[in-house]
Protein backbone atom coordinates (compact mmCIF):
# COMPACT_ATOMS: atom_id res chain seq x y z
CA UNK A 1 4.46 12.68 3.84
CA UNK A 2 7.14 13.63 1.34
CA UNK A 3 6.46 13.49 -2.39
CA UNK A 4 9.19 13.52 -5.01
CA UNK A 5 9.31 14.60 -8.60
CA UNK A 6 9.38 11.49 -10.77
CA UNK A 7 6.79 8.76 -10.27
CA UNK A 8 7.97 6.92 -13.38
CA UNK A 9 11.27 5.76 -11.85
CA UNK A 10 11.61 2.28 -10.38
CA UNK A 11 14.55 0.46 -8.84
CA UNK A 12 15.25 -3.25 -8.76
CA UNK A 13 15.95 -4.87 -5.41
CA UNK A 14 17.64 -7.99 -4.17
CA UNK A 15 15.53 -10.28 -1.98
CA UNK A 16 16.33 -13.08 0.40
CA UNK A 17 13.34 -14.93 -1.10
CA UNK A 18 13.29 -13.12 -4.44
CA UNK A 19 10.45 -10.73 -3.53
CA UNK A 20 9.53 -8.31 -6.30
CA UNK A 21 9.44 -4.80 -4.90
CA UNK A 22 9.04 -1.55 -6.83
CA UNK A 23 10.22 1.79 -5.47
CA UNK A 24 7.94 4.60 -6.60
CA UNK A 25 8.94 8.26 -6.43
CA UNK A 26 5.76 10.29 -6.15
CA UNK A 27 5.16 13.41 -8.27
CA UNK A 28 3.78 16.57 -6.63
CA UNK A 29 -0.02 16.46 -6.60
CA UNK A 30 -1.99 19.53 -7.68
CA UNK A 31 -5.20 20.11 -5.72
CA UNK A 32 -8.43 21.06 -7.50
CA UNK A 33 -10.46 23.07 -4.98
CA UNK A 34 -13.84 21.57 -4.14
CA UNK A 35 -13.50 18.62 -6.50
CA UNK A 36 -13.26 15.02 -5.42
CA UNK A 37 -12.98 12.68 -8.37
CA UNK A 38 -13.36 9.36 -6.55
CA UNK A 39 -15.26 8.52 -3.37
CA UNK A 40 -13.78 5.61 -1.43
CA UNK A 41 -16.49 3.95 0.70
CA UNK A 42 -14.86 1.53 3.15
CA UNK A 43 -16.73 -1.45 4.54
CA UNK A 44 -16.83 -1.93 8.34
CA UNK A 45 -14.00 -4.06 9.75
CA UNK A 46 -14.47 -7.58 11.07
CA UNK A 47 -15.83 -7.65 14.59
CA UNK A 48 -12.92 -8.29 16.94
CA UNK A 49 -10.25 -7.36 14.39
CA UNK A 50 -7.16 -5.94 16.16
CA UNK A 51 -6.69 -2.18 15.87
CA UNK A 52 -3.38 -2.48 14.01
CA UNK A 53 -0.81 0.27 13.56
CA UNK A 54 -0.91 2.59 10.54
CA UNK A 55 2.26 4.49 11.54
CA UNK A 56 5.50 3.25 13.01
CA UNK A 57 5.58 5.30 16.21
CA UNK A 58 8.38 6.45 18.50
CA UNK A 59 11.61 4.48 18.72
CA UNK A 60 15.32 5.07 19.41
CA UNK A 61 18.78 4.39 18.05
CA UNK A 62 19.22 4.02 14.30
CA UNK A 63 15.50 3.35 13.97
CA UNK A 64 14.52 6.94 14.82
CA UNK A 65 14.82 7.88 11.15
CA UNK A 66 12.08 5.35 10.31
CA UNK A 67 9.61 6.06 13.10
CA UNK A 68 7.23 7.86 10.71
CA UNK A 69 6.86 4.76 8.53
CA UNK A 70 3.25 4.66 7.28
CA UNK A 71 1.11 1.95 5.73
CA UNK A 72 -0.88 3.21 2.73
CA UNK A 73 -3.96 1.47 4.08
CA UNK A 74 -7.07 3.18 5.51
CA UNK A 75 -8.04 3.22 9.15
CA UNK A 76 -11.73 2.31 9.44
CA UNK A 77 -13.53 2.72 12.76
CA UNK A 78 -10.17 2.73 14.52
CA UNK A 79 -8.95 -0.42 12.74
CA UNK A 80 -6.22 -0.56 10.08
CA UNK A 81 -8.44 -2.46 7.66
CA UNK A 82 -8.61 -3.09 3.93
CA UNK A 83 -10.18 -5.37 1.37
CA UNK A 84 -8.92 -6.88 -1.86
CA UNK A 85 -10.35 -9.03 -4.63
CA UNK A 86 -6.95 -10.55 -5.41
CA UNK A 87 -5.31 -13.64 -3.98
CA UNK A 88 -2.00 -11.76 -4.04
CA UNK A 89 -2.58 -8.01 -3.61
CA UNK A 90 0.01 -5.25 -3.66
CA UNK A 91 0.72 -3.22 -0.51
CA UNK A 92 2.17 0.30 -0.40
CA UNK A 93 4.23 1.91 2.36
CA UNK A 94 5.63 5.41 2.80
CA UNK A 95 9.22 5.00 4.04
CA UNK A 96 10.52 8.26 5.58
CA UNK A 97 14.27 7.66 5.19
CA UNK A 98 16.64 6.10 2.68
CA UNK A 99 17.07 2.32 2.71
CA UNK A 100 20.20 0.32 1.91
CA UNK A 101 20.97 -3.30 1.11
CA UNK A 102 22.22 -3.66 4.70
CA UNK A 103 18.76 -2.97 6.19
CA UNK A 104 16.58 -6.12 6.19
CA UNK A 105 12.87 -5.71 5.45
CA UNK A 106 10.13 -8.25 6.07
CA UNK A 107 6.50 -8.48 4.98
CA UNK A 108 4.24 -11.24 6.28
CA UNK A 109 0.58 -12.21 6.06
CA UNK A 110 -0.82 -14.72 8.58
CA UNK A 111 -4.15 -16.51 8.79
CA UNK A 112 -6.40 -16.78 11.85
CA UNK A 113 -4.25 -19.60 13.26
CA UNK A 114 -1.11 -17.43 12.81
CA UNK A 115 0.23 -19.67 10.03
CA UNK A 116 2.19 -17.77 7.38
CA UNK A 117 0.40 -17.30 4.07
CA UNK A 118 3.04 -14.86 2.83
CA UNK A 119 6.54 -14.32 4.23
CA UNK A 120 8.89 -12.15 2.18
CA UNK A 121 12.31 -11.03 3.38
CA UNK A 122 14.22 -8.63 1.16
CA UNK A 123 16.36 -5.49 1.01
CA UNK A 124 16.43 -2.46 -1.25
CA UNK A 125 18.71 0.49 -1.85
CA UNK A 126 16.58 3.55 -2.56
CA UNK A 127 15.71 7.05 -1.45
CA UNK A 128 12.85 7.75 0.92
CA UNK A 129 9.49 7.47 -0.81
CA UNK A 130 6.61 5.17 -1.59
CA UNK A 131 7.42 1.45 -1.58
CA UNK A 132 5.21 -1.03 -3.46
CA UNK A 133 5.36 -4.60 -2.19
CA UNK A 134 3.66 -7.17 -4.48
CA UNK A 135 2.90 -10.33 -2.54
CA UNK A 136 3.98 -13.83 -3.52
CA UNK A 137 2.89 -17.16 -2.06
CA UNK A 138 3.42 -20.84 -2.80
CA UNK A 139 -0.01 -21.94 -1.57
CA UNK A 140 -2.31 -19.74 -3.64
CA UNK A 141 -2.49 -16.64 -1.47
CA UNK A 142 -5.60 -15.25 0.21
CA UNK A 143 -8.91 -17.12 0.17
CA UNK A 144 -12.22 -15.41 -0.60
CA UNK A 145 -14.16 -14.57 2.55
CA UNK A 146 -11.17 -14.93 4.87
CA UNK A 147 -9.42 -12.24 6.91
CA UNK A 148 -5.69 -12.14 7.58
CA UNK A 149 -3.25 -10.12 9.63
CA UNK A 150 -0.22 -8.52 7.98
CA UNK A 151 2.96 -6.86 9.24
CA UNK A 152 5.67 -4.86 7.47
CA UNK A 153 8.94 -4.41 9.41
CA UNK A 154 12.18 -2.49 8.90
CA UNK A 155 15.08 -3.97 10.91
CA UNK A 156 16.92 -0.68 11.12
CA UNK A 157 19.36 -0.99 14.03
CA UNK A 158 22.48 -3.04 13.28
CA UNK A 159 23.52 -2.91 16.95
CA UNK A 160 20.21 -4.51 17.94
CA UNK A 161 19.22 -7.04 15.25
CA UNK A 162 15.83 -7.63 16.85
CA UNK A 163 14.96 -3.91 16.86
CA UNK A 164 12.53 -2.79 14.18
CA UNK A 165 9.92 -0.27 13.14
CA UNK A 166 6.73 -1.92 11.95
CA UNK A 167 3.17 -1.31 10.82
CA UNK A 168 0.38 -3.87 10.79
CA UNK A 169 -3.28 -4.37 10.03
CA UNK A 170 -5.98 -6.72 8.78
CA UNK A 171 -6.93 -7.55 5.19
CA UNK A 172 -9.93 -9.46 3.89
CA UNK A 173 -10.32 -10.97 0.45
CA UNK A 174 -13.75 -10.55 -1.14
CA UNK A 175 -15.33 -11.79 -4.36
CA UNK A 176 -14.64 -9.54 -7.35
CA UNK A 177 -17.98 -8.28 -8.67
CA UNK A 178 -16.47 -5.25 -10.42
CA UNK A 179 -16.18 -5.24 -14.20
CA UNK A 180 -16.03 -2.88 -17.15
CA UNK A 181 -17.45 -3.64 -20.58
CA UNK A 182 -14.73 -3.45 -23.20
CA UNK A 183 -14.21 -4.54 -26.79
CA UNK A 184 -10.41 -4.78 -26.50
CA UNK A 185 -8.13 -7.07 -24.45
CA UNK A 186 -6.44 -4.09 -22.76
CA UNK A 187 -8.50 -1.51 -20.93
CA UNK A 188 -8.25 2.08 -22.09
CA UNK A 189 -7.38 4.78 -19.58
CA UNK A 190 -11.05 5.78 -19.40
CA UNK A 191 -12.05 2.17 -18.69
CA UNK A 192 -9.34 1.84 -16.06
CA UNK A 193 -10.59 4.98 -14.35
CA UNK A 194 -14.14 3.63 -14.36
CA UNK A 195 -12.83 0.41 -12.83
CA UNK A 196 -11.07 2.47 -10.15
CA UNK A 197 -14.35 4.27 -9.37
CA UNK A 198 -16.20 0.97 -8.97
CA UNK A 199 -13.56 -0.55 -6.71
CA UNK A 200 -13.60 2.60 -4.56
CA UNK A 201 -17.41 2.52 -4.30
CA UNK A 202 -17.22 -1.15 -3.22
CA UNK A 203 -14.61 -0.35 -0.57
CA UNK A 204 -11.94 -2.51 -2.20
CA UNK A 205 -8.85 -0.54 -1.30
CA UNK A 206 -5.92 -2.42 -2.82
CA UNK A 207 -7.22 -2.41 -6.37
CA UNK A 208 -8.37 1.21 -6.01
CA UNK A 209 -4.97 2.56 -4.97
CA UNK A 210 -3.08 0.25 -7.36
CA UNK A 211 -5.00 1.55 -10.39
CA UNK A 212 -4.78 5.16 -9.17
CA UNK A 213 -0.99 4.98 -8.92
CA UNK A 214 -0.68 3.20 -12.28
CA UNK A 215 -2.79 5.86 -14.03
CA UNK A 216 -0.77 8.63 -12.44
CA UNK A 217 2.45 6.91 -13.55
CA UNK A 218 1.15 6.72 -17.11
CA UNK A 219 0.25 10.42 -17.24
CA UNK A 220 1.83 12.37 -14.33
CA UNK A 221 0.54 15.76 -15.54
CA UNK A 222 -3.10 14.66 -15.77
CA UNK A 223 -5.03 16.82 -13.27
CA UNK A 224 -7.74 14.19 -12.75
CA UNK A 225 -5.25 11.46 -11.90
CA UNK A 226 -3.32 13.80 -9.63
CA UNK A 227 -6.40 14.86 -7.68
CA UNK A 228 -7.74 11.29 -7.53
CA UNK A 229 -4.55 10.01 -5.93
CA UNK A 230 -4.39 12.93 -3.52
CA UNK A 231 -8.04 12.46 -2.60
CA UNK A 232 -7.54 8.77 -1.85
CA UNK A 233 -4.60 9.53 0.42
CA UNK A 234 -6.68 12.10 2.30
CA UNK A 235 -9.73 9.84 2.54
CA UNK A 236 -7.55 7.06 3.95
CA UNK A 237 -6.22 9.41 6.62
CA UNK A 238 -2.61 9.01 5.55
CA UNK A 239 -1.87 12.45 4.10
CA UNK A 240 -0.43 15.26 6.20
CA UNK A 241 -2.65 18.30 6.60
CA UNK A 242 -1.79 20.88 3.97
CA UNK A 243 -0.24 18.35 1.57
């Protein structure tokens, strides 16, 4: 997984449905030997949940460049599975090659009856790197206690419009029992880090990784934030050996 030098840069995108997507360029992560700042403890997946696909897999034609697409979502007991406390969580994907406005992207979330809860079609012109996809929905988003399937697709072969590279998995929304005592409206960095720890301990992935990336963006040279983000990638099984 390639990391780049400036996590603070973002690029605006144009979307068929106005999806808000941020392109994040990851800074190199220093590794503190023997120290793991946050322990992510995933909950078991729903019984019968489909395995999903964390990485894009082999393909051909123009899509070969994107076959190493990866979802920044953990694989738990062989299932691409995550939890969130938000009705509209953010998803992250590692895109291995540059994207252009001519390459359509699609992100969908469907309920148990396969009805769309989220369907976002958009395009972006950006270098290879980490793509953040905030979700939007007209009907309120995910419901507490319910599980949903999601799919992210890159339609990367102009000669074959139906050809794509995709990743998919299952997400469940849970009640948010995590909180931090604070005397100010905005959490301090220390309070945010404590919140991150609690979300990780509860197995709530989307908030954990979202806060970790935001903290690293705010202070890219902070060793604790660097190691925390690296550790989460490794724990989720989405970091290359030797990263």
